Amino acid sequence: MKKFENKEIVKSIKIIIVFLFFLGGIIWFYIHDSNQLKEESMYTKGVITGTFAGAKVESLVRFEFYANNNKYISSDGYSIRDDEFNIGDTCFVEYAKTNPKNCCLVKVVVGGNKVIKIQRLKQPKEDTIFYPPNLKYLNRKKV
């Protein structure tokens, strides 16, 4: 009976050690990525390509950017209530120089809330649009 109890205790201790090792690895990777982004931060412009819901009912924005002549696609969280942007707007991206996959959108504080820093697409005013002449009439054969 004592041997059986000792085996159960040893098994429980092994499970706890494996769990703590796994948890420590997750925490280390999170801290490493965060520190890497702080120490090697580079900035560039990206383009918002879409929005979608995440696993925890979180709203995410998908964006793409170029770094070192390579295209990267990533996503970041945003606030439905505070952030206002359209697909195609320019966003500002912070990424780690040696690992551009480690990136996030630049956010600024507006009215006490963090919002994504964007540069809106400017729609031309109707009176500034240049319409080309109707080429059908210009290429008409003279009779």
C-alpha atoms as a PDB file:
ATOM      1  CA  MET A   1       0.000   0.000   0.000  1.00  0.00           C
ATOM      2  CA  LYS A   2       2.852   2.371   0.857  1.00  0.00           C
ATOM      3  CA  LYS A   3       4.612   1.680  -2.452  1.00  0.00           C
ATOM      4  CA  PHE A   4       1.441   2.539  -4.364  1.00  0.00           C
ATOM      5  CA  GLU A   5       1.058   5.871  -2.484  1.00  0.00           C
ATOM      6  CA  ASN A   6       4.729   6.710  -3.090  1.00  0.00           C
ATOM      7  CA  LYS A   7       4.335   6.012  -6.832  1.00  0.00           C
ATOM      8  CA  GLU A   8       1.312   8.318  -6.976  1.00  0.00           C
ATOM      9  CA  ILE A   9       3.212  11.075  -5.179  1.00  0.00           C
ATOM     10  CA  VAL A  10       6.204  10.719  -7.513  1.00  0.00           C
ATOM     11  CA  LYS A  11       3.889  10.754 -10.538  1.00  0.00           C
ATOM     12  CA  SER A  12       2.152  13.920  -9.252  1.00  0.00           C
ATOM     13  CA  ILE A  13       5.493  15.623  -8.655  1.00  0.00           C
ATOM     14  CA  LYS A  14       6.650  14.742 -12.178  1.00  0.00           C
ATOM     15  CA  ILE A  15       3.446  16.201 -13.672  1.00  0.00           C
ATOM     16  CA  ILE A  16       3.874  19.404 -11.643  1.00  0.00           C
ATOM     17  CA  ILE A  17       7.527  19.738 -12.757  1.00  0.00           C
ATOM     18  CA  VAL A  18       6.608  19.263 -16.438  1.00  0.00           C
ATOM     19  CA  PHE A  19       3.787  21.811 -16.098  1.00  0.00           C
ATOM     20  CA  LEU A  20       6.082  24.370 -14.432  1.00  0.00           C
ATOM     21  CA  PHE A  21       8.746  23.799 -17.110  1.00  0.00           C
ATOM     22  CA  PHE A  22       6.150  24.347 -19.857  1.00  0.00           C
ATOM     23  CA  LEU A  23       4.782  27.467 -18.141  1.00  0.00           C
ATOM     24  CA  GLY A  24       8.314  28.817 -17.672  1.00  0.00           C
ATOM     25  CA  GLY A  25       8.999  28.328 -21.391  1.00  0.00           C
ATOM     26  CA  ILE A  26       5.888  30.284 -22.361  1.00  0.00           C
ATOM     27  CA  ILE A  27       6.788  33.131 -20.004  1.00  0.00           C
ATOM     28  CA  TRP A  28      10.399  33.176 -21.269  1.00  0.00           C
ATOM     29  CA  PHE A  29       9.295  33.391 -24.939  1.00  0.00           C
ATOM     30  CA  TYR A  30       6.862  36.215 -24.122  1.00  0.00           C
ATOM     31  CA  ILE A  31       9.515  38.199 -22.226  1.00  0.00           C
ATOM     32  CA  HIS A  32      12.130  37.481 -24.935  1.00  0.00           C
ATOM     33  CA  ASP A  33       9.829  38.749 -27.718  1.00  0.00           C
ATOM     34  CA  SER A  34       8.900  41.823 -25.694  1.00  0.00           C
ATOM     35  CA  ASN A  35      12.547  42.647 -24.920  1.00  0.00           C
ATOM     36  CA  GLN A  36      13.611  41.975 -28.507  1.00  0.00           C
ATOM     37  CA  LEU A  37      10.989  44.435 -29.751  1.00  0.00           C
ATOM     38  CA  LYS A  38      12.198  47.077 -27.261  1.00  0.00           C
ATOM     39  CA  GLU A  39      15.900  46.623 -28.019  1.00  0.00           C
ATOM     40  CA  GLU A  40      15.775  46.247 -31.818  1.00  0.00           C
ATOM     41  CA  SER A  41      12.719  48.249 -32.779  1.00  0.00           C
ATOM     42  CA  MET A  42      12.394  49.456 -36.323  1.00  0.00           C
ATOM     43  CA  TYR A  43       9.408  51.270 -37.820  1.00  0.00           C
ATOM     44  CA  THR A  44       7.781  51.106 -41.208  1.00  0.00           C
ATOM     45  CA  LYS A  45       4.450  51.671 -42.876  1.00  0.00           C
ATOM     46  CA  GLY A  46       2.050  48.843 -43.566  1.00  0.00           C
ATOM     47  CA  VAL A  47      -1.417  48.432 -45.078  1.00  0.00           C
ATOM     48  CA  ILE A  48      -4.540  47.231 -43.282  1.00  0.00           C
ATOM     49  CA  THR A  49      -5.875  44.275 -45.252  1.00  0.00           C
ATOM     50  CA  GLY A  50      -8.769  43.021 -43.136  1.00  0.00           C
ATOM     51  CA  THR A  51     -10.393  42.434 -39.776  1.00  0.00           C
ATOM     52  CA  PHE A  52     -11.548  39.269 -38.061  1.00  0.00           C
ATOM     53  CA  ALA A  53     -12.574  37.899 -34.673  1.00  0.00           C
ATOM     54  CA  GLY A  54      -9.960  36.104 -32.625  1.00  0.00           C
ATOM     55  CA  ALA A  55     -10.300  33.024 -30.451  1.00  0.00           C
ATOM     56  CA  LYS A  56     -11.251  34.931 -27.306  1.00  0.00           C
ATOM     57  CA  VAL A  57     -13.899  37.103 -28.984  1.00  0.00           C
ATOM     58  CA  GLU A  58     -11.156  39.643 -29.507  1.00  0.00           C
ATOM     59  CA  SER A  59     -11.235  41.885 -32.552  1.00  0.00           C
ATOM     60  CA  LEU A  60      -8.107  41.642 -34.674  1.00  0.00           C
ATOM     61  CA  VAL A  61      -6.842  43.651 -37.615  1.00  0.00           C
ATOM     62  CA  ARG A  62      -4.728  41.985 -40.309  1.00  0.00           C
ATOM     63  CA  PHE A  63      -1.949  44.037 -41.877  1.00  0.00           C
ATOM     64  CA  GLU A  64       0.990  43.528 -44.173  1.00  0.00           C
ATOM     65  CA  PHE A  65       4.312  45.315 -44.438  1.00  0.00           C
ATOM     66  CA  TYR A  66       7.704  44.962 -46.086  1.00  0.00           C
ATOM     67  CA  ALA A  67      10.986  44.630 -44.213  1.00  0.00           C
ATOM     68  CA  ASN A  68      14.340  43.657 -45.728  1.00  0.00           C
ATOM     69  CA  ASN A  69      12.637  43.210 -49.132  1.00  0.00           C
ATOM     70  CA  ASN A  70      10.315  40.536 -47.692  1.00  0.00           C
ATOM     71  CA  LYS A  71       6.552  40.750 -47.277  1.00  0.00           C
ATOM     72  CA  TYR A  72       5.172  39.971 -43.811  1.00  0.00           C
ATOM     73  CA  ILE A  73       1.537  39.450 -42.857  1.00  0.00           C
ATOM     74  CA  SER A  74       0.522  39.744 -39.227  1.00  0.00           C
ATOM     75  CA  SER A  75      -2.349  40.760 -36.988  1.00  0.00           C
ATOM     76  CA  ASP A  76      -2.899  42.781 -33.832  1.00  0.00           C
ATOM     77  CA  GLY A  77      -5.801  43.539 -31.537  1.00  0.00           C
ATOM     78  CA  TYR A  78      -7.913  46.666 -31.801  1.00  0.00           C
ATOM     79  CA  SER A  79     -10.863  48.282 -30.067  1.00  0.00           C
ATOM     80  CA  ILE A  80     -14.129  48.259 -31.996  1.00  0.00           C
ATOM     81  CA  ARG A  81     -15.308  51.177 -29.869  1.00  0.00           C
ATOM     82  CA  ASP A  82     -12.259  53.442 -30.198  1.00  0.00           C
ATOM     83  CA  ASP A  83     -10.425  52.563 -33.434  1.00  0.00           C
ATOM     84  CA  GLU A  84     -11.665  53.908 -36.751  1.00  0.00           C
ATOM     85  CA  PHE A  85     -10.017  52.711 -39.937  1.00  0.00           C
ATOM     86  CA  ASN A  86     -10.832  51.287 -43.352  1.00  0.00           C
ATOM     87  CA  ILE A  87      -9.333  48.447 -45.320  1.00  0.00           C
ATOM     88  CA  GLY A  88      -6.477  49.933 -47.350  1.00  0.00           C
ATOM     89  CA  ASP A  89      -5.533  52.591 -44.794  1.00  0.00           C
ATOM     90  CA  THR A  90      -1.845  52.940 -44.022  1.00  0.00           C
ATOM     91  CA  CYS A  91      -0.800  51.814 -40.549  1.00  0.00           C
ATOM     92  CA  PHE A  92       2.505  52.159 -38.742  1.00  0.00           C
ATOM     93  CA  VAL A  93       4.289  48.959 -37.740  1.00  0.00           C
ATOM     94  CA  GLU A  94       6.977  48.386 -35.114  1.00  0.00           C
ATOM     95  CA  TYR A  95       9.088  45.265 -35.670  1.00  0.00           C
ATOM     96  CA  ALA A  96      12.306  43.697 -34.383  1.00  0.00           C
ATOM     97  CA  LYS A  97      15.229  44.235 -36.753  1.00  0.00           C
ATOM     98  CA  THR A  98      16.492  40.633 -36.600  1.00  0.00           C
ATOM     99  CA  ASN A  99      13.005  39.066 -36.489  1.00  0.00           C
ATOM    100  CA  PRO A 100      10.380  41.062 -38.428  1.00  0.00           C
ATOM    101  CA  LYS A 101       7.748  38.428 -37.543  1.00  0.00           C
ATOM    102  CA  ASN A 102       7.919  39.886 -34.036  1.00  0.00           C
ATOM    103  CA  CYS A 103       5.828  42.970 -34.767  1.00  0.00           C
ATOM    104  CA  CYS A 104       2.881  45.036 -33.607  1.00  0.00           C
ATOM    105  CA  LEU A 105       0.951  48.086 -34.732  1.00  0.00           C
ATOM    106  CA  VAL A 106       1.991  51.465 -33.352  1.00  0.00           C
ATOM    107  CA  LYS A 107      -0.717  52.812 -31.062  1.00  0.00           C
ATOM    108  CA  VAL A 108      -1.190  56.327 -29.730  1.00  0.00           C
ATOM    109  CA  VAL A 109      -3.208  57.553 -26.768  1.00  0.00           C
ATOM    110  CA  VAL A 110      -6.243  59.622 -27.761  1.00  0.00           C
ATOM    111  CA  GLY A 111      -8.668  60.684 -25.051  1.00  0.00           C
ATOM    112  CA  GLY A 112      -7.193  58.172 -22.611  1.00  0.00           C
ATOM    113  CA  ASN A 113      -7.596  55.235 -25.028  1.00  0.00           C
ATOM    114  CA  LYS A 114      -4.909  53.509 -27.090  1.00  0.00           C
ATOM    115  CA  VAL A 115      -5.815  53.587 -30.770  1.00  0.00           C
ATOM    116  CA  ILE A 116      -4.014  52.396 -33.875  1.00  0.00           C
ATOM    117  CA  LYS A 117      -2.012  55.144 -35.554  1.00  0.00           C
ATOM    118  CA  ILE A 118      -3.166  55.253 -39.159  1.00  0.00           C
ATOM    119  CA  GLN A 119      -2.900  57.443 -42.222  1.00  0.00           C
ATOM    120  CA  ARG A 120      -6.241  57.517 -43.973  1.00  0.00           C
ATOM    121  CA  LEU A 121      -6.746  57.050 -47.667  1.00  0.00           C
ATOM    122  CA  LYS A 122      -7.689  60.448 -49.014  1.00  0.00           C
ATOM    123  CA  GLN A 123     -10.558  60.363 -51.442  1.00  0.00           C
ATOM    124  CA  PRO A 124     -10.143  62.993 -54.168  1.00  0.00           C
ATOM    125  CA  LYS A 125     -12.722  65.725 -54.321  1.00  0.00           C
ATOM    126  CA  GLU A 126     -15.077  65.488 -57.286  1.00  0.00           C
ATOM    127  CA  ASP A 127     -13.845  68.743 -58.832  1.00  0.00           C
ATOM    128  CA  THR A 128     -10.195  67.536 -58.779  1.00  0.00           C
ATOM    129  CA  ILE A 129     -10.812  64.303 -60.676  1.00  0.00           C
ATOM    130  CA  PHE A 130      -9.509  64.474 -64.232  1.00  0.00           C
ATOM    131  CA  TYR A 131     -11.618  62.530 -66.679  1.00  0.00           C
ATOM    132  CA  PRO A 132      -9.808  61.634 -69.904  1.00  0.00           C
ATOM    133  CA  PRO A 133     -11.442  62.766 -73.130  1.00  0.00           C
ATOM    134  CA  ASN A 134     -13.672  60.309 -74.884  1.00  0.00           C
ATOM    135  CA  LEU A 135     -11.152  58.633 -77.164  1.00  0.00           C
ATOM    136  CA  LYS A 136     -13.842  57.143 -79.357  1.00  0.00           C
ATOM    137  CA  TYR A 137     -14.501  60.551 -80.903  1.00  0.00           C
ATOM    138  CA  LEU A 138     -10.813  61.404 -81.263  1.00  0.00           C
ATOM    139  CA  ASN A 139     -10.016  58.258 -83.271  1.00  0.00           C
ATOM    140  CA  ARG A 140     -12.920  58.655 -85.637  1.00  0.00           C
ATOM    141  CA  LYS A 141     -12.129  58.382 -89.355  1.00  0.00           C
ATOM    142  CA  LYS A 142     -12.662  61.498 -91.392  1.00  0.00           C
ATOM    143  CA  VAL A 143     -15.073  61.087 -94.234  1.00  0.00           C
END
